[in-house]
Amino acid sequence: MVTPEDVKTYIENGLPCEHVELAGDGQHFQALIVSTEFRGKNRVQRHQRVYQALGERMREEVHALSMQTLTPEEWRELPA
């Protein structure tokens, strides 16, 4: 069974990230992903980039992934 730490590593290996948080139960995962690659991209394009980073793992190992995708600037603006 894939762990949240596995998914975090997959994302970090396929996408330059400033910050990644992952939670999940082995099938369903929730992620907060901060990357400069999200600048100028809409939400769909950002999610597509994460799916690209996960590649075939998205079909084979990760059954559901809910994401919050932010640029570093957006992340810094979040309330503490």
N, C-alpha and C. Protein backbone atom coordinates (compact mmCIF):
# COMPACT_ATOMS: atom_id res chain seq x y z
N MET A 1 0.84 -1.18 0.00
CA MET A 1 0.00 0.00 0.00
C MET A 1 0.89 1.24 0.00
N VAL A 2 0.54 2.20 -0.80
CA VAL A 2 1.29 3.45 -0.90
C VAL A 2 0.97 4.34 0.31
N THR A 3 1.98 5.01 0.82
CA THR A 3 1.81 5.87 2.00
C THR A 3 1.82 7.34 1.58
N PRO A 4 1.33 8.22 2.46
CA PRO A 4 1.42 9.65 2.15
C PRO A 4 2.87 10.08 1.87
N GLU A 5 3.81 9.52 2.62
CA GLU A 5 5.22 9.87 2.39
C GLU A 5 5.68 9.44 1.00
N ASP A 6 5.20 8.29 0.51
CA ASP A 6 5.52 7.85 -0.85
C ASP A 6 5.01 8.86 -1.88
N VAL A 7 3.76 9.27 -1.73
CA VAL A 7 3.16 10.21 -2.68
C VAL A 7 3.90 11.55 -2.63
N LYS A 8 4.25 11.97 -1.44
CA LYS A 8 5.02 13.22 -1.28
C LYS A 8 6.34 13.12 -2.05
N THR A 9 7.02 12.00 -1.90
CA THR A 9 8.29 11.79 -2.60
C THR A 9 8.08 11.77 -4.11
N TYR A 10 7.04 11.10 -4.59
CA TYR A 10 6.75 11.06 -6.02
C TYR A 10 6.57 12.47 -6.57
N ILE A 11 5.79 13.29 -5.86
CA ILE A 11 5.53 14.66 -6.31
C ILE A 11 6.84 15.47 -6.31
N GLU A 12 7.59 15.38 -5.23
CA GLU A 12 8.84 16.14 -5.12
C GLU A 12 9.87 15.72 -6.16
N ASN A 13 9.86 14.46 -6.56
CA ASN A 13 10.80 13.98 -7.59
C ASN A 13 10.41 14.43 -8.99
N GLY A 14 9.13 14.74 -9.21
CA GLY A 14 8.67 15.11 -10.54
C GLY A 14 8.33 16.57 -10.72
N LEU A 15 8.45 17.35 -9.65
CA LEU A 15 8.03 18.76 -9.70
C LEU A 15 8.87 19.53 -8.69
N PRO A 16 9.50 20.63 -9.11
CA PRO A 16 10.26 21.41 -8.13
C PRO A 16 9.29 22.07 -7.15
N CYS A 17 9.39 21.70 -5.88
CA CYS A 17 8.46 22.18 -4.87
C CYS A 17 9.20 22.94 -3.77
N GLU A 18 8.55 23.97 -3.28
CA GLU A 18 9.08 24.67 -2.11
C GLU A 18 8.53 24.04 -0.83
N HIS A 19 7.34 23.45 -0.94
CA HIS A 19 6.70 22.86 0.24
C HIS A 19 5.66 21.86 -0.23
N VAL A 20 5.58 20.73 0.46
CA VAL A 20 4.56 19.72 0.17
C VAL A 20 4.09 19.13 1.50
N GLU A 21 2.78 19.09 1.69
CA GLU A 21 2.17 18.41 2.83
C GLU A 21 1.23 17.36 2.28
N LEU A 22 1.28 16.15 2.82
CA LEU A 22 0.44 15.06 2.35
C LEU A 22 -0.19 14.35 3.53
N ALA A 23 -1.45 14.02 3.38
CA ALA A 23 -2.15 13.17 4.35
C ALA A 23 -2.96 12.18 3.55
N GLY A 24 -3.30 11.05 4.17
CA GLY A 24 -4.11 10.09 3.45
C GLY A 24 -4.13 8.74 4.13
N ASP A 25 -4.95 7.86 3.56
CA ASP A 25 -5.19 6.55 4.17
C ASP A 25 -4.67 5.39 3.31
N GLY A 26 -3.86 5.68 2.30
CA GLY A 26 -3.36 4.63 1.44
C GLY A 26 -4.06 4.57 0.09
N GLN A 27 -5.24 5.14 0.01
CA GLN A 27 -5.98 5.20 -1.26
C GLN A 27 -6.42 6.62 -1.59
N HIS A 28 -6.85 7.35 -0.59
CA HIS A 28 -7.32 8.73 -0.76
C HIS A 28 -6.34 9.66 -0.07
N PHE A 29 -5.88 10.68 -0.82
CA PHE A 29 -4.86 11.58 -0.30
C PHE A 29 -5.29 13.03 -0.45
N GLN A 30 -4.78 13.87 0.47
CA GLN A 30 -4.99 15.31 0.42
C GLN A 30 -3.60 15.93 0.41
N ALA A 31 -3.40 16.91 -0.49
CA ALA A 31 -2.08 17.51 -0.64
C ALA A 31 -2.15 19.03 -0.68
N LEU A 32 -1.15 19.64 -0.07
CA LEU A 32 -0.86 21.06 -0.24
C LEU A 32 0.49 21.11 -0.92
N ILE A 33 0.53 21.70 -2.12
CA ILE A 33 1.74 21.71 -2.93
C ILE A 33 2.06 23.15 -3.30
N VAL A 34 3.28 23.58 -3.00
CA VAL A 34 3.73 24.94 -3.31
C VAL A 34 4.88 24.84 -4.30
N SER A 35 4.71 25.47 -5.46
CA SER A 35 5.73 25.39 -6.49
C SER A 35 5.76 26.67 -7.33
N THR A 36 6.95 27.09 -7.72
CA THR A 36 7.07 28.23 -8.62
C THR A 36 6.51 27.90 -10.00
N GLU A 37 6.43 26.61 -10.34
CA GLU A 37 5.89 26.21 -11.65
C GLU A 37 4.40 26.55 -11.79
N PHE A 38 3.74 26.87 -10.70
CA PHE A 38 2.31 27.19 -10.76
C PHE A 38 2.06 28.65 -11.15
N ARG A 39 3.11 29.45 -11.17
CA ARG A 39 2.92 30.86 -11.53
C ARG A 39 2.35 30.98 -12.93
N GLY A 40 1.30 31.80 -13.06
CA GLY A 40 0.68 32.03 -14.36
C GLY A 40 -0.22 30.92 -14.85
N LYS A 41 -0.43 29.89 -14.02
CA LYS A 41 -1.29 28.77 -14.42
C LYS A 41 -2.58 28.79 -13.62
N ASN A 42 -3.66 28.38 -14.26
CA ASN A 42 -4.93 28.28 -13.54
C ASN A 42 -4.96 26.96 -12.76
N ARG A 43 -6.01 26.76 -12.00
CA ARG A 43 -6.10 25.59 -11.14
C ARG A 43 -6.02 24.28 -11.92
N VAL A 44 -6.71 24.20 -13.03
CA VAL A 44 -6.69 22.97 -13.85
C VAL A 44 -5.27 22.70 -14.35
N GLN A 45 -4.59 23.72 -14.85
CA GLN A 45 -3.22 23.54 -15.34
C GLN A 45 -2.28 23.11 -14.22
N ARG A 46 -2.48 23.64 -13.03
CA ARG A 46 -1.66 23.26 -11.89
C ARG A 46 -1.87 21.79 -11.54
N HIS A 47 -3.12 21.37 -11.52
CA HIS A 47 -3.43 19.97 -11.20
C HIS A 47 -2.87 19.04 -12.28
N GLN A 48 -2.96 19.46 -13.53
CA GLN A 48 -2.41 18.65 -14.62
C GLN A 48 -0.90 18.48 -14.45
N ARG A 49 -0.23 19.52 -13.96
CA ARG A 49 1.22 19.44 -13.75
C ARG A 49 1.55 18.44 -12.64
N VAL A 50 0.74 18.41 -11.59
CA VAL A 50 0.94 17.43 -10.52
C VAL A 50 0.69 16.02 -11.05
N TYR A 51 -0.38 15.85 -11.82
CA TYR A 51 -0.66 14.54 -12.40
C TYR A 51 0.50 14.10 -13.30
N GLN A 52 1.08 15.04 -14.03
CA GLN A 52 2.24 14.73 -14.88
C GLN A 52 3.40 14.25 -14.00
N ALA A 53 3.62 14.90 -12.87
CA ALA A 53 4.70 14.50 -11.97
C ALA A 53 4.47 13.09 -11.43
N LEU A 54 3.22 12.74 -11.18
CA LEU A 54 2.90 11.41 -10.65
C LEU A 54 2.93 10.34 -11.73
N GLY A 55 2.67 10.73 -12.97
CA GLY A 55 2.71 9.80 -14.09
C GLY A 55 1.78 8.62 -13.91
N GLU A 56 2.26 7.44 -14.23
CA GLU A 56 1.44 6.22 -14.15
C GLU A 56 1.02 5.88 -12.72
N ARG A 57 1.74 6.40 -11.75
CA ARG A 57 1.37 6.13 -10.35
C ARG A 57 -0.04 6.63 -10.05
N MET A 58 -0.45 7.69 -10.74
CA MET A 58 -1.80 8.22 -10.52
C MET A 58 -2.85 7.19 -10.89
N ARG A 59 -2.59 6.40 -11.88
CA ARG A 59 -3.55 5.37 -12.29
C ARG A 59 -3.39 4.09 -11.48
N GLU A 60 -2.16 3.78 -11.13
CA GLU A 60 -1.88 2.47 -10.53
C GLU A 60 -1.87 2.46 -9.01
N GLU A 61 -1.38 3.52 -8.39
CA GLU A 61 -1.20 3.50 -6.94
C GLU A 61 -2.07 4.50 -6.18
N VAL A 62 -2.29 5.66 -6.77
CA VAL A 62 -3.04 6.72 -6.10
C VAL A 62 -4.45 6.73 -6.67
N HIS A 63 -5.42 6.40 -5.85
CA HIS A 63 -6.79 6.30 -6.36
C HIS A 63 -7.53 7.62 -6.33
N ALA A 64 -7.21 8.47 -5.37
CA ALA A 64 -7.85 9.79 -5.28
C ALA A 64 -6.88 10.77 -4.65
N LEU A 65 -6.79 11.95 -5.24
CA LEU A 65 -5.90 12.98 -4.73
C LEU A 65 -6.61 14.32 -4.79
N SER A 66 -6.85 14.91 -3.64
CA SER A 66 -7.41 16.25 -3.59
C SER A 66 -6.24 17.19 -3.32
N MET A 67 -6.17 18.29 -4.07
CA MET A 67 -5.00 19.16 -4.03
C MET A 67 -5.35 20.61 -3.80
N GLN A 68 -4.49 21.26 -3.04
CA GLN A 68 -4.44 22.71 -2.99
C GLN A 68 -3.08 23.06 -3.57
N THR A 69 -3.06 23.76 -4.69
CA THR A 69 -1.81 24.07 -5.39
C THR A 69 -1.60 25.58 -5.35
N LEU A 70 -0.47 25.99 -4.80
CA LEU A 70 -0.20 27.41 -4.59
C LEU A 70 1.18 27.79 -5.10
N THR A 71 1.30 29.05 -5.52
CA THR A 71 2.62 29.61 -5.78
C THR A 71 3.23 29.99 -4.42
N PRO A 72 4.54 30.20 -4.36
CA PRO A 72 5.13 30.63 -3.08
C PRO A 72 4.50 31.92 -2.55
N GLU A 73 4.15 32.83 -3.45
CA GLU A 73 3.53 34.09 -3.04
C GLU A 73 2.14 33.85 -2.43
N GLU A 74 1.35 32.98 -3.05
CA GLU A 74 0.02 32.66 -2.52
C GLU A 74 0.14 31.98 -1.16
N TRP A 75 1.13 31.11 -1.01
CA TRP A 75 1.32 30.38 0.23
C TRP A 75 1.67 31.34 1.37
N ARG A 76 2.54 32.32 1.08
CA ARG A 76 2.92 33.29 2.11
C ARG A 76 1.74 34.17 2.53
N GLU A 77 0.76 34.34 1.65
CA GLU A 77 -0.41 35.19 1.95
C GLU A 77 -1.48 34.45 2.77
N LEU A 78 -1.37 33.15 2.93
CA LEU A 78 -2.35 32.40 3.71
C LEU A 78 -2.31 32.87 5.16
N PRO A 79 -3.48 32.96 5.80
CA PRO A 79 -3.49 33.33 7.21
C PRO A 79 -2.77 32.27 8.05
N ALA A 80 -2.08 32.73 9.03
CA ALA A 80 -1.34 31.81 9.91
C ALA A 80 -2.24 31.02 10.83
